[in-house]
Amino acid sequence: MVSLPIIETVVNLITTVMMTVGLPALVLLMIIESFGIPPLPSEIILPFAGFLVATGNYSFAAAVLAAVAGGVIGSYFAYGVGRYGRPLVEGEGRLKLNPKHLASMDRWFARRGESTVMIARLLPIVRSYISYPAGTARMEPVRFGVYTAIGATPFTIALIYAGVVLGKNWGEIVPYFHVLDYGAAVVIVGGLLYVTLRWHGKISGGFPPKLIRSSAPPPPAEVARP
């Protein structure tokens, strides 16, 4: 079976940076992970941080604090993009959302923003992108940061602890990441295709997106003969 080495390349990048730079690299990688672009899986970053804890590179508490701090900082970057990029999805923006959907999202985050952000930070993939709609809906910034930290902490502790338990057996699980290669490729290509088509007005917003058909010009009116 042919395998695209996407996940393996990401693993090698993460492990090399963390072994070379140390704890500051964990903060930086979690900032990028929480920003979501480019996608770096916390399911690789955090267990490897646990492995470095097991080998004595730094303490468990320091790893947890660094990871949570990086996650909150990255989430605020994504929140800022959503908040200050709101004109792109309203009015005459290229990525215009249906005003009803936008208003519904505003009401949702006004009433359930705390629980939504906190629960989303516990979910793989979703955790990296929930900050964008929270920012677009203009969720109160301090509450956003507090509930981001609350939601991220148990997830972070669990994955770092898993890395501590795996210890030197970390390398044995890397080959299993090959099964995620095709999924990662589909997600990346699909996301780029969606953004491109949405930007050029070829598909509508919402889910599922619909093809926008350009209306043909009306036929010229016949001139009545005298």
C-alpha atoms as a PDB file:
ATOM      1  CA  MET A   1       0.000   0.000   0.000  1.00  0.00           C
ATOM      2  CA  VAL A   2       1.342   3.419  -0.965  1.00  0.00           C
ATOM      3  CA  SER A   3       1.409   5.885   1.932  1.00  0.00           C
ATOM      4  CA  LEU A   4       1.760   9.622   1.751  1.00  0.00           C
ATOM      5  CA  PRO A   5       4.315  10.524   4.447  1.00  0.00           C
ATOM      6  CA  ILE A   6       2.318  13.480   5.748  1.00  0.00           C
ATOM      7  CA  ILE A   7       1.909  12.356   9.338  1.00  0.00           C
ATOM      8  CA  GLU A   8       5.420  10.903   9.546  1.00  0.00           C
ATOM      9  CA  THR A   9       6.875  14.196   8.306  1.00  0.00           C
ATOM     10  CA  VAL A  10       4.893  16.134  10.908  1.00  0.00           C
ATOM     11  CA  VAL A  11       6.065  13.737  13.631  1.00  0.00           C
ATOM     12  CA  ASN A  12       9.704  14.155  12.606  1.00  0.00           C
ATOM     13  CA  LEU A  13       9.354  17.950  12.529  1.00  0.00           C
ATOM     14  CA  ILE A  14       7.739  18.112  15.974  1.00  0.00           C
ATOM     15  CA  THR A  15      10.199  15.753  17.637  1.00  0.00           C
ATOM     16  CA  THR A  16      13.243  17.435  16.111  1.00  0.00           C
ATOM     17  CA  VAL A  17      12.143  20.927  17.158  1.00  0.00           C
ATOM     18  CA  MET A  18      11.224  19.870  20.691  1.00  0.00           C
ATOM     19  CA  MET A  19      14.452  17.947  21.271  1.00  0.00           C
ATOM     20  CA  THR A  20      16.538  20.830  19.918  1.00  0.00           C
ATOM     21  CA  VAL A  21      14.816  23.835  21.498  1.00  0.00           C
ATOM     22  CA  GLY A  22      13.222  22.313  24.584  1.00  0.00           C
ATOM     23  CA  LEU A  23      10.340  23.764  26.574  1.00  0.00           C
ATOM     24  CA  PRO A  24       9.985  26.993  24.513  1.00  0.00           C
ATOM     25  CA  ALA A  25       9.367  24.771  21.480  1.00  0.00           C
ATOM     26  CA  LEU A  26       6.394  23.218  23.281  1.00  0.00           C
ATOM     27  CA  VAL A  27       4.905  26.682  23.814  1.00  0.00           C
ATOM     28  CA  LEU A  28       5.469  27.609  20.160  1.00  0.00           C
ATOM     29  CA  LEU A  29       4.070  24.345  18.785  1.00  0.00           C
ATOM     30  CA  MET A  30       0.952  24.657  20.937  1.00  0.00           C
ATOM     31  CA  ILE A  31       0.471  28.246  19.735  1.00  0.00           C
ATOM     32  CA  ILE A  32       0.516  26.967  16.149  1.00  0.00           C
ATOM     33  CA  GLU A  33      -1.699  23.989  17.041  1.00  0.00           C
ATOM     34  CA  SER A  34      -4.319  26.213  18.651  1.00  0.00           C
ATOM     35  CA  PHE A  35      -4.224  28.650  15.740  1.00  0.00           C
ATOM     36  CA  GLY A  36      -4.906  25.704  13.445  1.00  0.00           C
ATOM     37  CA  ILE A  37      -2.890  26.952  10.456  1.00  0.00           C
ATOM     38  CA  PRO A  38      -0.850  24.968   9.556  1.00  0.00           C
ATOM     39  CA  PRO A  39      -2.522  22.024  11.300  1.00  0.00           C
ATOM     40  CA  LEU A  40      -0.228  20.465  13.910  1.00  0.00           C
ATOM     41  CA  PRO A  41      -1.893  17.675  15.921  1.00  0.00           C
ATOM     42  CA  SER A  42      -1.728  18.016  19.689  1.00  0.00           C
ATOM     43  CA  GLU A  43      -2.118  14.226  19.753  1.00  0.00           C
ATOM     44  CA  ILE A  44       1.532  14.089  18.651  1.00  0.00           C
ATOM     45  CA  ILE A  45       2.918  17.187  20.380  1.00  0.00           C
ATOM     46  CA  LEU A  46       1.663  16.433  23.883  1.00  0.00           C
ATOM     47  CA  PRO A  47       2.546  12.724  24.155  1.00  0.00           C
ATOM     48  CA  PHE A  48       6.047  13.491  22.917  1.00  0.00           C
ATOM     49  CA  ALA A  49       6.279  16.218  25.557  1.00  0.00           C
ATOM     50  CA  GLY A  50       5.386  13.473  28.040  1.00  0.00           C
ATOM     51  CA  PHE A  51       8.194  11.336  26.661  1.00  0.00           C
ATOM     52  CA  LEU A  52      10.620  14.224  27.265  1.00  0.00           C
ATOM     53  CA  VAL A  53       9.272  14.493  30.813  1.00  0.00           C
ATOM     54  CA  ALA A  54       9.971  10.772  31.294  1.00  0.00           C
ATOM     55  CA  THR A  55      13.562  11.247  30.078  1.00  0.00           C
ATOM     56  CA  GLY A  56      14.123  14.128  32.503  1.00  0.00           C
ATOM     57  CA  ASN A  57      14.223  17.030  30.034  1.00  0.00           C
ATOM     58  CA  TYR A  58      11.712  18.986  32.120  1.00  0.00           C
ATOM     59  CA  SER A  59       9.096  18.455  34.809  1.00  0.00           C
ATOM     60  CA  PHE A  60       5.496  17.342  34.315  1.00  0.00           C
ATOM     61  CA  ALA A  61       4.153  20.591  35.799  1.00  0.00           C
ATOM     62  CA  ALA A  62       6.346  22.720  33.524  1.00  0.00           C
ATOM     63  CA  ALA A  63       5.190  20.795  30.466  1.00  0.00           C
ATOM     64  CA  VAL A  64       1.509  21.207  31.378  1.00  0.00           C
ATOM     65  CA  LEU A  65       1.878  24.939  32.090  1.00  0.00           C
ATOM     66  CA  ALA A  66       3.829  25.530  28.863  1.00  0.00           C
ATOM     67  CA  ALA A  67       1.316  23.592  26.768  1.00  0.00           C
ATOM     68  CA  VAL A  68      -1.732  25.302  28.267  1.00  0.00           C
ATOM     69  CA  ALA A  69      -0.107  28.743  27.942  1.00  0.00           C
ATOM     70  CA  GLY A  70       0.752  28.105  24.301  1.00  0.00           C
ATOM     71  CA  GLY A  71      -2.763  26.845  23.640  1.00  0.00           C
ATOM     72  CA  VAL A  72      -4.379  29.937  25.138  1.00  0.00           C
ATOM     73  CA  ILE A  73      -2.067  32.312  23.236  1.00  0.00           C
ATOM     74  CA  GLY A  74      -2.720  30.546  19.925  1.00  0.00           C
ATOM     75  CA  SER A  75      -6.448  30.544  20.608  1.00  0.00           C
ATOM     76  CA  TYR A  76      -6.379  34.316  21.102  1.00  0.00           C
ATOM     77  CA  PHE A  77      -4.648  34.737  17.735  1.00  0.00           C
ATOM     78  CA  ALA A  78      -7.413  32.709  16.066  1.00  0.00           C
ATOM     79  CA  TYR A  79     -10.050  34.593  18.071  1.00  0.00           C
ATOM     80  CA  GLY A  80      -8.605  37.882  16.791  1.00  0.00           C
ATOM     81  CA  VAL A  81      -8.777  36.687  13.191  1.00  0.00           C
ATOM     82  CA  GLY A  82     -12.428  35.771  13.656  1.00  0.00           C
ATOM     83  CA  ARG A  83     -13.309  38.998  15.465  1.00  0.00           C
ATOM     84  CA  TYR A  84     -11.540  41.476  13.194  1.00  0.00           C
ATOM     85  CA  GLY A  85     -12.238  39.467  10.062  1.00  0.00           C
ATOM     86  CA  ARG A  86     -15.990  39.658  10.627  1.00  0.00           C
ATOM     87  CA  PRO A  87     -16.490  42.183   7.773  1.00  0.00           C
ATOM     88  CA  LEU A  88     -15.434  39.406   5.388  1.00  0.00           C
ATOM     89  CA  VAL A  89     -18.473  37.301   6.317  1.00  0.00           C
ATOM     90  CA  GLU A  90     -21.079  40.031   6.591  1.00  0.00           C
ATOM     91  CA  GLY A  91     -22.243  42.823   4.337  1.00  0.00           C
ATOM     92  CA  GLU A  92     -20.703  42.512   0.911  1.00  0.00           C
ATOM     93  CA  GLY A  93     -17.731  40.369   1.974  1.00  0.00           C
ATOM     94  CA  ARG A  94     -16.418  37.706  -0.385  1.00  0.00           C
ATOM     95  CA  LEU A  95     -17.026  35.000   2.237  1.00  0.00           C
ATOM     96  CA  LYS A  96     -20.455  36.367   3.133  1.00  0.00           C
ATOM     97  CA  LEU A  97     -22.548  34.221   5.450  1.00  0.00           C
ATOM     98  CA  ASN A  98     -26.309  34.154   5.475  1.00  0.00           C
ATOM     99  CA  PRO A  99     -27.330  36.973   7.892  1.00  0.00           C
ATOM    100  CA  LYS A 100     -29.708  34.576   9.659  1.00  0.00           C
ATOM    101  CA  HIS A 101     -26.895  32.081  10.246  1.00  0.00           C
ATOM    102  CA  LEU A 102     -24.601  34.833  11.496  1.00  0.00           C
ATOM    103  CA  ALA A 103     -27.245  36.153  13.880  1.00  0.00           C
ATOM    104  CA  SER A 104     -27.906  32.620  15.113  1.00  0.00           C
ATOM    105  CA  MET A 105     -24.198  32.131  15.810  1.00  0.00           C
ATOM    106  CA  ASP A 106     -24.097  35.423  17.740  1.00  0.00           C
ATOM    107  CA  ARG A 107     -27.032  34.345  19.907  1.00  0.00           C
ATOM    108  CA  TRP A 108     -25.506  30.912  20.496  1.00  0.00           C
ATOM    109  CA  PHE A 109     -22.191  32.275  21.760  1.00  0.00           C
ATOM    110  CA  ALA A 110     -23.962  34.946  23.815  1.00  0.00           C
ATOM    111  CA  ARG A 111     -25.916  32.240  25.675  1.00  0.00           C
ATOM    112  CA  ARG A 112     -23.679  29.149  25.494  1.00  0.00           C
ATOM    113  CA  GLY A 113     -20.248  30.500  24.597  1.00  0.00           C
ATOM    114  CA  GLU A 114     -18.537  29.317  27.784  1.00  0.00           C
ATOM    115  CA  SER A 115     -19.700  25.707  27.570  1.00  0.00           C
ATOM    116  CA  THR A 116     -19.167  25.578  23.790  1.00  0.00           C
ATOM    117  CA  VAL A 117     -15.546  26.740  24.015  1.00  0.00           C
ATOM    118  CA  MET A 118     -14.781  24.566  27.044  1.00  0.00           C
ATOM    119  CA  ILE A 119     -16.196  21.372  25.513  1.00  0.00           C
ATOM    120  CA  ALA A 120     -14.690  22.066  22.086  1.00  0.00           C
ATOM    121  CA  ARG A 121     -11.219  22.321  23.638  1.00  0.00           C
ATOM    122  CA  LEU A 122     -11.606  18.673  24.688  1.00  0.00           C
ATOM    123  CA  LEU A 123     -12.279  17.461  21.129  1.00  0.00           C
ATOM    124  CA  PRO A 124      -9.557  16.642  18.580  1.00  0.00           C
ATOM    125  CA  ILE A 125      -9.531  18.831  15.444  1.00  0.00           C
ATOM    126  CA  VAL A 126     -12.486  20.919  16.670  1.00  0.00           C
ATOM    127  CA  ARG A 127     -10.313  22.297  19.482  1.00  0.00           C
ATOM    128  CA  SER A 128      -8.031  24.010  16.965  1.00  0.00           C
ATOM    129  CA  TYR A 129     -10.799  25.877  15.142  1.00  0.00           C
ATOM    130  CA  ILE A 130     -13.501  26.780  17.679  1.00  0.00           C
ATOM    131  CA  SER A 131     -11.732  30.096  18.363  1.00  0.00           C
ATOM    132  CA  TYR A 132     -12.595  31.470  14.923  1.00  0.00           C
ATOM    133  CA  PRO A 133     -16.412  31.397  15.302  1.00  0.00           C
ATOM    134  CA  ALA A 134     -16.049  32.532  18.928  1.00  0.00           C
ATOM    135  CA  GLY A 135     -14.172  35.600  17.695  1.00  0.00           C
ATOM    136  CA  THR A 136     -16.588  36.197  14.829  1.00  0.00           C
ATOM    137  CA  ALA A 137     -19.476  36.079  17.309  1.00  0.00           C
ATOM    138  CA  ARG A 138     -17.532  38.586  19.480  1.00  0.00           C
ATOM    139  CA  MET A 139     -17.575  36.470  22.603  1.00  0.00           C
ATOM    140  CA  GLU A 140     -16.310  38.431  25.599  1.00  0.00           C
ATOM    141  CA  PRO A 141     -12.482  38.080  25.428  1.00  0.00           C
ATOM    142  CA  VAL A 142     -11.715  37.399  29.103  1.00  0.00           C
ATOM    143  CA  ARG A 143     -14.401  34.720  29.379  1.00  0.00           C
ATOM    144  CA  PHE A 144     -13.114  33.191  26.163  1.00  0.00           C
ATOM    145  CA  GLY A 145      -9.583  32.912  27.582  1.00  0.00           C
ATOM    146  CA  VAL A 146     -10.695  31.540  30.937  1.00  0.00           C
ATOM    147  CA  TYR A 147     -12.888  28.794  29.465  1.00  0.00           C
ATOM    148  CA  THR A 148     -10.280  27.973  26.837  1.00  0.00           C
ATOM    149  CA  ALA A 149      -7.766  27.313  29.632  1.00  0.00           C
ATOM    150  CA  ILE A 150     -10.309  25.308  31.655  1.00  0.00           C
ATOM    151  CA  GLY A 151     -11.204  23.127  28.676  1.00  0.00           C
ATOM    152  CA  ALA A 152      -7.614  22.655  27.496  1.00  0.00           C
ATOM    153  CA  THR A 153      -6.138  21.627  30.861  1.00  0.00           C
ATOM    154  CA  PRO A 154      -7.590  18.091  31.290  1.00  0.00           C
ATOM    155  CA  PHE A 155      -6.941  17.279  27.621  1.00  0.00           C
ATOM    156  CA  THR A 156      -3.344  18.476  28.001  1.00  0.00           C
ATOM    157  CA  ILE A 157      -2.715  16.585  31.247  1.00  0.00           C
ATOM    158  CA  ALA A 158      -4.128  13.345  29.817  1.00  0.00           C
ATOM    159  CA  LEU A 159      -1.996  13.372  26.654  1.00  0.00           C
ATOM    160  CA  ILE A 160       1.213  14.413  28.402  1.00  0.00           C
ATOM    161  CA  TYR A 161       0.671  11.690  31.001  1.00  0.00           C
ATOM    162  CA  ALA A 162       0.132   9.168  28.184  1.00  0.00           C
ATOM    163  CA  GLY A 163       3.542  10.158  26.834  1.00  0.00           C
ATOM    164  CA  VAL A 164       5.100   9.675  30.250  1.00  0.00           C
ATOM    165  CA  VAL A 165       3.632   6.170  30.447  1.00  0.00           C
ATOM    166  CA  LEU A 166       4.787   5.293  26.919  1.00  0.00           C
ATOM    167  CA  GLY A 167       8.274   6.525  27.714  1.00  0.00           C
ATOM    168  CA  LYS A 168      10.893   4.956  25.464  1.00  0.00           C
ATOM    169  CA  ASN A 169       8.182   3.050  23.592  1.00  0.00           C
ATOM    170  CA  TRP A 170       7.175   6.305  21.901  1.00  0.00           C
ATOM    171  CA  GLY A 171       8.812   5.308  18.620  1.00  0.00           C
ATOM    172  CA  GLU A 172       6.765   2.122  18.376  1.00  0.00           C
ATOM    173  CA  ILE A 173       3.492   3.980  17.759  1.00  0.00           C
ATOM    174  CA  VAL A 174       4.829   6.236  14.992  1.00  0.00           C
ATOM    175  CA  PRO A 175       4.242   3.683  12.158  1.00  0.00           C
ATOM    176  CA  TYR A 176       0.544   3.614  13.038  1.00  0.00           C
ATOM    177  CA  PHE A 177       0.248   7.245  11.995  1.00  0.00           C
ATOM    178  CA  HIS A 178       0.479   6.050   8.375  1.00  0.00           C
ATOM    179  CA  VAL A 179      -3.193   5.063   8.506  1.00  0.00           C
ATOM    180  CA  LEU A 180      -4.041   8.760   8.980  1.00  0.00           C
ATOM    181  CA  ASP A 181      -2.129   9.904   5.878  1.00  0.00           C
ATOM    182  CA  TYR A 182      -5.010   9.600   3.445  1.00  0.00           C
ATOM    183  CA  GLY A 183      -7.446  11.218   5.853  1.00  0.00           C
ATOM    184  CA  ALA A 184      -5.079  14.125   6.392  1.00  0.00           C
ATOM    185  CA  ALA A 185      -4.617  14.565   2.648  1.00  0.00           C
ATOM    186  CA  VAL A 186      -8.385  14.540   2.020  1.00  0.00           C
ATOM    187  CA  VAL A 187      -9.032  17.110   4.769  1.00  0.00           C
ATOM    188  CA  ILE A 188      -6.299  19.474   3.542  1.00  0.00           C
ATOM    189  CA  VAL A 189      -7.264  19.263  -0.139  1.00  0.00           C
ATOM    190  CA  GLY A 190     -10.985  19.489   0.651  1.00  0.00           C
ATOM    191  CA  GLY A 191     -10.478  22.552   2.844  1.00  0.00           C
ATOM    192  CA  LEU A 192      -8.411  24.355   0.214  1.00  0.00           C
ATOM    193  CA  LEU A 193     -10.947  23.510  -2.483  1.00  0.00           C
ATOM    194  CA  TYR A 194     -13.853  24.764  -0.361  1.00  0.00           C
ATOM    195  CA  VAL A 195     -12.132  28.066   0.465  1.00  0.00           C
ATOM    196  CA  THR A 196     -11.150  28.608  -3.188  1.00  0.00           C
ATOM    197  CA  LEU A 197     -14.652  27.935  -4.529  1.00  0.00           C
ATOM    198  CA  ARG A 198     -16.256  29.996  -1.760  1.00  0.00           C
ATOM    199  CA  TRP A 199     -13.882  32.901  -2.400  1.00  0.00           C
ATOM    200  CA  HIS A 200     -14.749  32.953  -6.108  1.00  0.00           C
ATOM    201  CA  GLY A 201     -18.480  32.725  -5.418  1.00  0.00           C
ATOM    202  CA  LYS A 202     -18.911  29.288  -6.987  1.00  0.00           C
ATOM    203  CA  ILE A 203     -20.583  27.683  -3.957  1.00  0.00           C
ATOM    204  CA  SER A 204     -22.840  28.906  -1.166  1.00  0.00           C
ATOM    205  CA  GLY A 205     -22.027  28.964   2.540  1.00  0.00           C
ATOM    206  CA  GLY A 206     -23.511  26.604   5.091  1.00  0.00           C
ATOM    207  CA  PHE A 207     -23.596  22.833   5.021  1.00  0.00           C
ATOM    208  CA  PRO A 208     -23.832  21.193   2.645  1.00  0.00           C
ATOM    209  CA  PRO A 209     -22.594  23.924   0.270  1.00  0.00           C
ATOM    210  CA  LYS A 210     -24.565  24.347  -2.942  1.00  0.00           C
ATOM    211  CA  LEU A 211     -23.343  25.195  -6.413  1.00  0.00           C
ATOM    212  CA  ILE A 212     -24.200  28.761  -7.443  1.00  0.00           C
ATOM    213  CA  ARG A 213     -25.374  28.782 -11.041  1.00  0.00           C
ATOM    214  CA  SER A 214     -24.847  31.991 -12.972  1.00  0.00           C
ATOM    215  CA  SER A 215     -28.084  33.190 -14.523  1.00  0.00           C
ATOM    216  CA  ALA A 216     -28.050  33.547 -18.290  1.00  0.00           C
ATOM    217  CA  PRO A 217     -28.831  37.030 -19.691  1.00  0.00           C
ATOM    218  CA  PRO A 218     -32.432  37.464 -20.885  1.00  0.00           C
ATOM    219  CA  PRO A 219     -32.971  37.147 -24.642  1.00  0.00           C
ATOM    220  CA  PRO A 220     -33.258  40.455 -26.536  1.00  0.00           C
ATOM    221  CA  ALA A 221     -36.812  41.719 -26.904  1.00  0.00           C
ATOM    222  CA  GLU A 222     -38.308  41.373 -30.370  1.00  0.00           C
ATOM    223  CA  VAL A 223     -38.902  44.607 -32.196  1.00  0.00           C
ATOM    224  CA  ALA A 224     -42.474  44.857 -33.452  1.00  0.00           C
ATOM    225  CA  ARG A 225     -42.669  45.343 -37.212  1.00  0.00           C
ATOM    226  CA  PRO A 226     -44.842  48.196 -38.521  1.00  0.00           C
END
